[in-house]
N, C-alpha and C. Protein backbone atom coordinates (compact mmCIF):
# COMPACT_ATOMS: atom_id res chain seq x y z
N MET A 1 97.11 67.10 94.16
CA MET A 1 97.68 67.18 95.49
C MET A 1 98.95 68.01 95.43
N LYS A 2 99.16 68.80 96.47
CA LYS A 2 100.35 69.64 96.54
C LYS A 2 101.18 69.26 97.76
N ILE A 3 102.48 69.44 97.62
CA ILE A 3 103.40 69.27 98.74
C ILE A 3 104.07 70.61 98.98
N TYR A 4 104.06 71.05 100.23
CA TYR A 4 104.62 72.35 100.61
C TYR A 4 105.91 72.15 101.40
N LYS A 5 106.90 72.97 101.11
CA LYS A 5 108.18 72.91 101.80
C LYS A 5 108.65 74.33 102.05
N VAL A 6 108.87 74.66 103.33
CA VAL A 6 109.39 75.97 103.70
C VAL A 6 110.86 76.03 103.26
N THR A 7 111.23 77.09 102.57
CA THR A 7 112.59 77.26 102.08
C THR A 7 113.47 77.91 103.15
N ASP A 8 114.76 78.04 102.84
CA ASP A 8 115.66 78.76 103.74
C ASP A 8 115.20 80.20 103.95
N ALA A 9 114.72 80.82 102.88
CA ALA A 9 114.19 82.19 102.99
C ALA A 9 112.98 82.22 103.92
N GLY A 10 112.14 81.19 103.84
CA GLY A 10 110.99 81.10 104.73
C GLY A 10 111.39 80.92 106.18
N MET A 11 112.43 80.11 106.40
CA MET A 11 112.91 79.92 107.76
C MET A 11 113.44 81.25 108.33
N GLU A 12 114.12 82.01 107.50
CA GLU A 12 114.61 83.32 107.94
C GLU A 12 113.45 84.27 108.20
N GLU A 13 112.41 84.19 107.39
CA GLU A 13 111.22 85.02 107.60
C GLU A 13 110.56 84.67 108.94
N ILE A 14 110.48 83.38 109.24
CA ILE A 14 109.91 82.94 110.53
C ILE A 14 110.80 83.43 111.67
N ARG A 15 112.11 83.29 111.54
CA ARG A 15 113.04 83.74 112.58
C ARG A 15 112.83 85.23 112.88
N GLN A 16 112.75 86.03 111.83
CA GLN A 16 112.56 87.48 112.02
C GLN A 16 111.21 87.78 112.65
N PHE A 17 110.17 87.07 112.22
CA PHE A 17 108.84 87.23 112.79
C PHE A 17 108.86 86.95 114.30
N MET A 18 109.54 85.87 114.69
CA MET A 18 109.66 85.53 116.11
C MET A 18 110.45 86.59 116.87
N GLN A 19 111.52 87.07 116.28
CA GLN A 19 112.32 88.12 116.93
C GLN A 19 111.47 89.37 117.16
N ASP A 20 110.62 89.69 116.21
CA ASP A 20 109.82 90.91 116.29
C ASP A 20 108.59 90.78 117.20
N HIS A 21 108.02 89.58 117.31
CA HIS A 21 106.70 89.47 117.94
C HIS A 21 106.59 88.50 119.11
N HIS A 22 107.56 87.64 119.32
CA HIS A 22 107.47 86.64 120.40
C HIS A 22 108.01 87.23 121.70
N ARG A 23 107.34 86.94 122.81
CA ARG A 23 107.79 87.44 124.13
C ARG A 23 109.16 86.91 124.52
N ARG A 24 109.48 85.71 124.06
CA ARG A 24 110.78 85.09 124.37
C ARG A 24 111.47 84.72 123.05
N PRO A 25 111.93 85.73 122.33
CA PRO A 25 112.47 85.46 121.00
C PRO A 25 113.68 84.53 121.00
N ASP A 26 114.49 84.56 122.04
CA ASP A 26 115.65 83.67 122.07
C ASP A 26 115.23 82.21 122.13
N GLU A 27 114.16 81.92 122.85
CA GLU A 27 113.64 80.55 122.92
C GLU A 27 112.92 80.16 121.63
N ALA A 28 112.24 81.12 121.00
CA ALA A 28 111.43 80.85 119.82
C ALA A 28 112.26 80.71 118.54
N THR A 29 113.56 81.03 118.62
CA THR A 29 114.38 80.98 117.41
C THR A 29 115.55 80.00 117.52
N THR A 30 115.49 79.09 118.48
CA THR A 30 116.50 78.03 118.51
C THR A 30 116.27 77.13 117.31
N ASP A 31 117.25 76.32 116.96
CA ASP A 31 117.10 75.42 115.81
C ASP A 31 115.90 74.49 115.99
N SER A 32 115.73 73.94 117.19
CA SER A 32 114.62 73.02 117.41
C SER A 32 113.27 73.75 117.38
N ALA A 33 113.22 74.96 117.91
CA ALA A 33 111.98 75.73 117.87
C ALA A 33 111.63 76.10 116.43
N LEU A 34 112.63 76.53 115.66
CA LEU A 34 112.37 76.87 114.26
C LEU A 34 111.90 75.66 113.47
N ALA A 35 112.47 74.49 113.76
CA ALA A 35 112.05 73.27 113.08
C ALA A 35 110.57 73.00 113.37
N LYS A 36 110.14 73.26 114.61
CA LYS A 36 108.72 73.07 114.96
C LYS A 36 107.84 74.07 114.23
N TRP A 37 108.26 75.34 114.18
CA TRP A 37 107.46 76.36 113.47
C TRP A 37 107.34 75.99 111.99
N VAL A 38 108.43 75.52 111.39
CA VAL A 38 108.43 75.11 109.98
C VAL A 38 107.47 73.95 109.79
N MET A 39 107.55 72.95 110.65
CA MET A 39 106.67 71.79 110.55
C MET A 39 105.21 72.22 110.68
N ASP A 40 104.92 73.10 111.63
CA ASP A 40 103.56 73.60 111.80
C ASP A 40 103.06 74.28 110.51
N ALA A 41 103.91 75.10 109.90
CA ALA A 41 103.54 75.81 108.67
C ALA A 41 103.27 74.84 107.53
N GLU A 42 104.11 73.81 107.41
CA GLU A 42 103.93 72.84 106.33
C GLU A 42 102.67 72.00 106.54
N ILE A 43 102.38 71.62 107.76
CA ILE A 43 101.16 70.86 108.06
C ILE A 43 99.93 71.72 107.77
N TYR A 44 99.98 72.98 108.20
CA TYR A 44 98.87 73.90 107.94
C TYR A 44 98.65 74.04 106.44
N ALA A 45 99.75 74.17 105.69
CA ALA A 45 99.65 74.31 104.23
C ALA A 45 99.04 73.06 103.59
N ASP A 46 99.43 71.89 104.07
CA ASP A 46 98.85 70.65 103.55
C ASP A 46 97.33 70.61 103.75
N LEU A 47 96.88 71.17 104.86
CA LEU A 47 95.45 71.14 105.17
C LEU A 47 94.67 72.26 104.49
N TYR A 48 95.27 73.45 104.38
CA TYR A 48 94.52 74.64 103.97
C TYR A 48 95.08 75.36 102.73
N ASP A 49 96.10 74.80 102.10
CA ASP A 49 96.71 75.40 100.90
C ASP A 49 97.31 76.78 101.16
N MET A 50 97.74 77.04 102.36
CA MET A 50 98.47 78.26 102.69
C MET A 50 99.31 77.99 103.94
N ALA A 51 100.54 78.46 103.92
CA ALA A 51 101.45 78.22 105.04
C ALA A 51 101.38 79.37 106.02
N VAL A 52 100.92 79.09 107.22
CA VAL A 52 100.73 80.12 108.25
C VAL A 52 101.43 79.68 109.53
N VAL A 53 102.09 80.65 110.16
CA VAL A 53 102.69 80.45 111.48
C VAL A 53 101.99 81.43 112.42
N THR A 54 101.51 80.91 113.55
CA THR A 54 100.78 81.75 114.51
C THR A 54 101.43 81.68 115.88
N ILE A 55 101.66 82.85 116.44
CA ILE A 55 102.13 82.95 117.83
C ILE A 55 100.87 83.11 118.69
N PRO A 56 100.66 82.22 119.66
CA PRO A 56 99.48 82.34 120.52
C PRO A 56 99.51 83.64 121.33
N ALA A 57 98.35 84.09 121.74
CA ALA A 57 98.22 85.35 122.48
C ALA A 57 99.14 85.41 123.70
N GLU A 58 99.24 84.30 124.42
CA GLU A 58 100.04 84.31 125.65
C GLU A 58 101.54 84.42 125.38
N ASP A 59 101.95 84.18 124.13
CA ASP A 59 103.37 84.26 123.79
C ASP A 59 103.73 85.48 122.94
N SER A 60 102.75 86.27 122.54
CA SER A 60 103.05 87.40 121.68
C SER A 60 103.24 88.68 122.49
N LYS A 61 104.11 89.53 121.99
CA LYS A 61 104.35 90.83 122.63
C LYS A 61 103.09 91.69 122.60
N GLN A 62 102.24 91.48 121.61
CA GLN A 62 101.02 92.27 121.46
C GLN A 62 99.90 91.82 122.39
N GLY A 63 100.04 90.64 122.99
CA GLY A 63 99.00 90.13 123.88
C GLY A 63 97.82 89.52 123.16
N GLU A 64 97.95 89.34 121.86
CA GLU A 64 96.92 88.67 121.07
C GLU A 64 97.61 87.79 120.04
N ALA A 65 96.90 86.78 119.57
CA ALA A 65 97.49 85.89 118.57
C ALA A 65 97.87 86.69 117.34
N ILE A 66 99.02 86.37 116.78
CA ILE A 66 99.50 87.07 115.59
C ILE A 66 100.07 86.03 114.63
N SER A 67 99.78 86.22 113.35
CA SER A 67 100.16 85.23 112.34
C SER A 67 100.94 85.87 111.19
N ILE A 68 101.66 85.02 110.49
CA ILE A 68 102.33 85.40 109.26
C ILE A 68 102.05 84.30 108.24
N GLU A 69 101.80 84.72 107.00
CA GLU A 69 101.62 83.75 105.91
C GLU A 69 102.88 83.76 105.06
N LEU A 70 103.42 82.58 104.82
CA LEU A 70 104.61 82.44 104.00
C LEU A 70 104.19 82.29 102.54
N GLU A 71 104.82 83.09 101.68
CA GLU A 71 104.49 83.06 100.26
C GLU A 71 105.76 83.24 99.44
N GLY A 72 105.62 83.13 98.14
CA GLY A 72 106.72 83.42 97.22
C GLY A 72 107.95 82.59 97.50
N ALA A 73 109.09 83.26 97.63
CA ALA A 73 110.37 82.59 97.83
C ALA A 73 110.45 81.86 99.16
N SER A 74 109.53 82.11 100.06
CA SER A 74 109.54 81.47 101.38
C SER A 74 108.95 80.07 101.37
N LEU A 75 108.33 79.69 100.26
CA LEU A 75 107.60 78.43 100.22
C LEU A 75 107.71 77.78 98.84
N ASP A 76 108.17 76.55 98.82
CA ASP A 76 108.16 75.76 97.58
C ASP A 76 106.88 74.95 97.55
N VAL A 77 106.24 74.93 96.40
CA VAL A 77 105.01 74.16 96.22
C VAL A 77 105.22 73.23 95.03
N VAL A 78 105.01 71.95 95.25
CA VAL A 78 105.13 70.97 94.18
C VAL A 78 103.74 70.38 93.95
N GLN A 79 103.28 70.48 92.71
CA GLN A 79 101.99 69.92 92.34
C GLN A 79 102.22 68.47 91.90
N LEU A 80 101.57 67.54 92.57
CA LEU A 80 101.65 66.14 92.20
C LEU A 80 100.45 65.78 91.36
N ASP A 81 100.69 65.09 90.27
CA ASP A 81 99.60 64.62 89.44
C ASP A 81 98.97 63.40 90.10
N GLU A 82 97.66 63.40 90.17
CA GLU A 82 96.98 62.24 90.73
C GLU A 82 96.85 61.19 89.64
N GLU A 83 97.19 59.98 89.99
CA GLU A 83 97.08 58.89 89.04
C GLU A 83 95.69 58.29 89.12
N HIS A 84 95.11 58.07 87.98
CA HIS A 84 93.79 57.45 87.92
C HIS A 84 93.95 56.04 87.40
N ASN A 85 93.42 55.06 88.12
CA ASN A 85 93.53 53.66 87.71
C ASN A 85 92.31 53.22 86.96
C-alpha cells in the first residue's frame, strides 16, 4: 500500500497550472481552493497510483477538460509494508 502526499513544490505546480489554464484563476488559487485541488490529487493517487488534477471543460480556458500529473518533487510517496498475520 502506498500513501501519497502533495509537496510544497506540487502545490506550486498546481497553482501555476490553475493560473495558466483556469477561466477564473484568482478563485482557483485561493488557499481553500488549492487545498481542495491537493486533496483531489491525493485521493486520485490513492485510487490509481498517479496524482492527477483536472480542470473541467466548463472551467478551462481551452473549453475542454485539461489535466496535469504530479510527479517527482511534486509528490511524496511512502510505501507501507503490509503485515501478514
